[in-house]
Amino acid sequence: MEVVSFFKTQHHFIFITKYRHPILKGNVDVEIPELTRQTCNAFEIEMLENIVSKTMLTC
């Protein structure tokens, strides 16, 4: 059976606290991107960008 269609989807996830209060503490800026990368690799997902600050996480 021949593949006759191809789909490319991109999703943008942003996790933000209410009123943007800084709740992320410690070395979360190192740990979260690494965990996100591992999860993406496990599901064969290509991560284009990963931004972490004290008030938000963008994937």
N, C-alpha and C. Protein backbone atom coordinates (compact mmCIF):
# COMPACT_ATOMS: atom_id res chain seq x y z
N MET A 1 0.84 -1.18 0.00
CA MET A 1 0.00 0.00 0.00
C MET A 1 0.89 1.24 0.00
N GLU A 2 0.60 2.16 -0.86
CA GLU A 2 1.41 3.37 -1.00
C GLU A 2 0.86 4.51 -0.15
N VAL A 3 1.75 5.24 0.50
CA VAL A 3 1.34 6.40 1.28
C VAL A 3 1.05 7.55 0.32
N VAL A 4 -0.15 8.10 0.42
CA VAL A 4 -0.54 9.15 -0.52
C VAL A 4 -0.76 10.50 0.15
N SER A 5 -0.58 10.57 1.45
CA SER A 5 -0.73 11.86 2.13
C SER A 5 0.29 11.98 3.26
N PHE A 6 0.56 13.20 3.62
CA PHE A 6 1.54 13.49 4.65
C PHE A 6 1.02 14.67 5.47
N PHE A 7 1.12 14.57 6.79
CA PHE A 7 0.64 15.64 7.66
C PHE A 7 1.79 16.14 8.51
N LYS A 8 1.87 17.43 8.64
CA LYS A 8 2.86 18.05 9.53
C LYS A 8 2.09 18.97 10.46
N THR A 9 2.15 18.69 11.74
CA THR A 9 1.45 19.53 12.71
C THR A 9 2.46 20.10 13.69
N GLN A 10 2.18 21.30 14.14
CA GLN A 10 3.02 21.94 15.15
C GLN A 10 2.11 22.43 16.26
N HIS A 11 2.51 22.15 17.48
CA HIS A 11 1.73 22.57 18.65
C HIS A 11 2.62 23.44 19.53
N HIS A 12 2.00 24.41 20.15
CA HIS A 12 2.71 25.34 21.02
C HIS A 12 2.07 25.26 22.40
N PHE A 13 2.84 24.85 23.40
CA PHE A 13 2.33 24.73 24.76
C PHE A 13 2.96 25.81 25.63
N ILE A 14 2.12 26.52 26.37
CA ILE A 14 2.60 27.53 27.30
C ILE A 14 1.94 27.28 28.65
N PHE A 15 2.75 27.11 29.67
CA PHE A 15 2.26 26.93 31.03
C PHE A 15 2.59 28.20 31.80
N ILE A 16 1.56 28.93 32.24
CA ILE A 16 1.76 30.20 32.93
C ILE A 16 0.95 30.19 34.22
N THR A 17 1.53 30.70 35.29
CA THR A 17 0.82 30.79 36.56
C THR A 17 -0.17 31.96 36.53
N LYS A 18 -1.17 31.88 37.35
CA LYS A 18 -2.15 32.96 37.44
C LYS A 18 -1.45 34.23 37.91
N TYR A 19 -1.71 35.31 37.27
CA TYR A 19 -1.11 36.61 37.56
C TYR A 19 0.41 36.61 37.38
N ARG A 20 0.94 35.57 36.75
CA ARG A 20 2.38 35.45 36.45
C ARG A 20 3.26 35.57 37.69
N HIS A 21 2.80 35.01 38.80
CA HIS A 21 3.61 35.00 40.02
C HIS A 21 4.80 34.06 39.82
N PRO A 22 6.00 34.45 40.23
CA PRO A 22 7.17 33.59 40.08
C PRO A 22 7.16 32.44 41.10
N ILE A 23 6.83 31.24 40.64
CA ILE A 23 6.78 30.10 41.56
C ILE A 23 7.85 29.05 41.25
N LEU A 24 8.46 29.13 40.08
CA LEU A 24 9.48 28.16 39.72
C LEU A 24 10.78 28.57 40.40
N LYS A 25 11.33 27.67 41.22
CA LYS A 25 12.51 27.99 42.02
C LYS A 25 13.61 26.97 41.79
N GLY A 26 14.80 27.29 42.24
CA GLY A 26 15.93 26.37 42.13
C GLY A 26 16.46 26.29 40.72
N ASN A 27 16.98 25.13 40.35
CA ASN A 27 17.55 24.96 39.02
C ASN A 27 16.53 24.37 38.04
N VAL A 28 15.29 24.80 38.17
CA VAL A 28 14.23 24.31 37.31
C VAL A 28 14.50 24.66 35.84
N ASP A 29 15.24 25.74 35.60
CA ASP A 29 15.55 26.13 34.23
C ASP A 29 16.48 25.13 33.54
N VAL A 30 17.11 24.25 34.31
CA VAL A 30 17.94 23.19 33.74
C VAL A 30 17.17 21.87 33.70
N GLU A 31 16.43 21.57 34.75
CA GLU A 31 15.74 20.28 34.87
C GLU A 31 14.55 20.14 33.91
N ILE A 32 13.72 21.16 33.80
CA ILE A 32 12.52 21.05 32.96
C ILE A 32 12.87 20.86 31.48
N PRO A 33 13.79 21.63 30.90
CA PRO A 33 14.13 21.37 29.50
C PRO A 33 14.67 19.96 29.27
N GLU A 34 15.45 19.44 30.21
CA GLU A 34 15.99 18.09 30.05
C GLU A 34 14.87 17.05 30.11
N LEU A 35 13.94 17.19 31.05
CA LEU A 35 12.80 16.26 31.13
C LEU A 35 11.92 16.36 29.89
N THR A 36 11.72 17.56 29.40
CA THR A 36 10.93 17.75 28.18
C THR A 36 11.61 17.09 26.99
N ARG A 37 12.93 17.26 26.88
CA ARG A 37 13.68 16.64 25.80
C ARG A 37 13.58 15.11 25.85
N GLN A 38 13.71 14.54 27.05
CA GLN A 38 13.62 13.09 27.20
C GLN A 38 12.24 12.58 26.80
N THR A 39 11.20 13.29 27.22
CA THR A 39 9.83 12.89 26.88
C THR A 39 9.60 12.97 25.38
N CYS A 40 10.06 14.04 24.77
CA CYS A 40 9.90 14.19 23.32
C CYS A 40 10.64 13.08 22.57
N ASN A 41 11.84 12.75 23.01
CA ASN A 41 12.60 11.67 22.37
C ASN A 41 11.88 10.33 22.51
N ALA A 42 11.27 10.08 23.67
CA ALA A 42 10.57 8.81 23.88
C ALA A 42 9.39 8.65 22.93
N PHE A 43 8.75 9.74 22.58
CA PHE A 43 7.59 9.70 21.69
C PHE A 43 7.93 10.12 20.26
N GLU A 44 9.22 10.23 19.96
CA GLU A 44 9.71 10.62 18.64
C GLU A 44 9.09 11.93 18.18
N ILE A 45 9.13 12.92 19.07
CA ILE A 45 8.61 14.26 18.79
C ILE A 45 9.79 15.20 18.66
N GLU A 46 9.77 16.04 17.64
CA GLU A 46 10.84 17.02 17.45
C GLU A 46 10.49 18.30 18.20
N MET A 47 11.33 18.68 19.14
CA MET A 47 11.11 19.90 19.91
C MET A 47 11.86 21.03 19.22
N LEU A 48 11.13 22.06 18.80
CA LEU A 48 11.74 23.17 18.09
C LEU A 48 12.30 24.23 19.02
N GLU A 49 11.64 24.42 20.17
CA GLU A 49 12.06 25.48 21.08
C GLU A 49 11.61 25.13 22.48
N ASN A 50 12.37 25.55 23.48
CA ASN A 50 12.01 25.30 24.87
C ASN A 50 12.52 26.47 25.70
N ILE A 51 11.61 27.26 26.25
CA ILE A 51 11.98 28.45 27.03
C ILE A 51 11.41 28.30 28.44
N VAL A 52 12.24 28.52 29.44
CA VAL A 52 11.81 28.44 30.84
C VAL A 52 12.20 29.73 31.53
N SER A 53 11.24 30.32 32.26
CA SER A 53 11.54 31.46 33.12
C SER A 53 10.89 31.19 34.47
N LYS A 54 11.03 32.08 35.41
CA LYS A 54 10.46 31.87 36.74
C LYS A 54 8.93 31.94 36.74
N THR A 55 8.33 32.48 35.68
CA THR A 55 6.87 32.62 35.64
C THR A 55 6.20 31.79 34.57
N MET A 56 6.97 31.20 33.63
CA MET A 56 6.31 30.43 32.57
C MET A 56 7.25 29.39 31.98
N LEU A 57 6.62 28.44 31.29
CA LEU A 57 7.32 27.39 30.57
C LEU A 57 6.72 27.33 29.18
N THR A 58 7.53 27.47 28.15
CA THR A 58 7.06 27.45 26.77
C THR A 58 7.73 26.29 26.05
N CYS A 59 6.92 25.45 25.41
CA CYS A 59 7.45 24.33 24.63
C CYS A 59 6.88 24.38 23.23
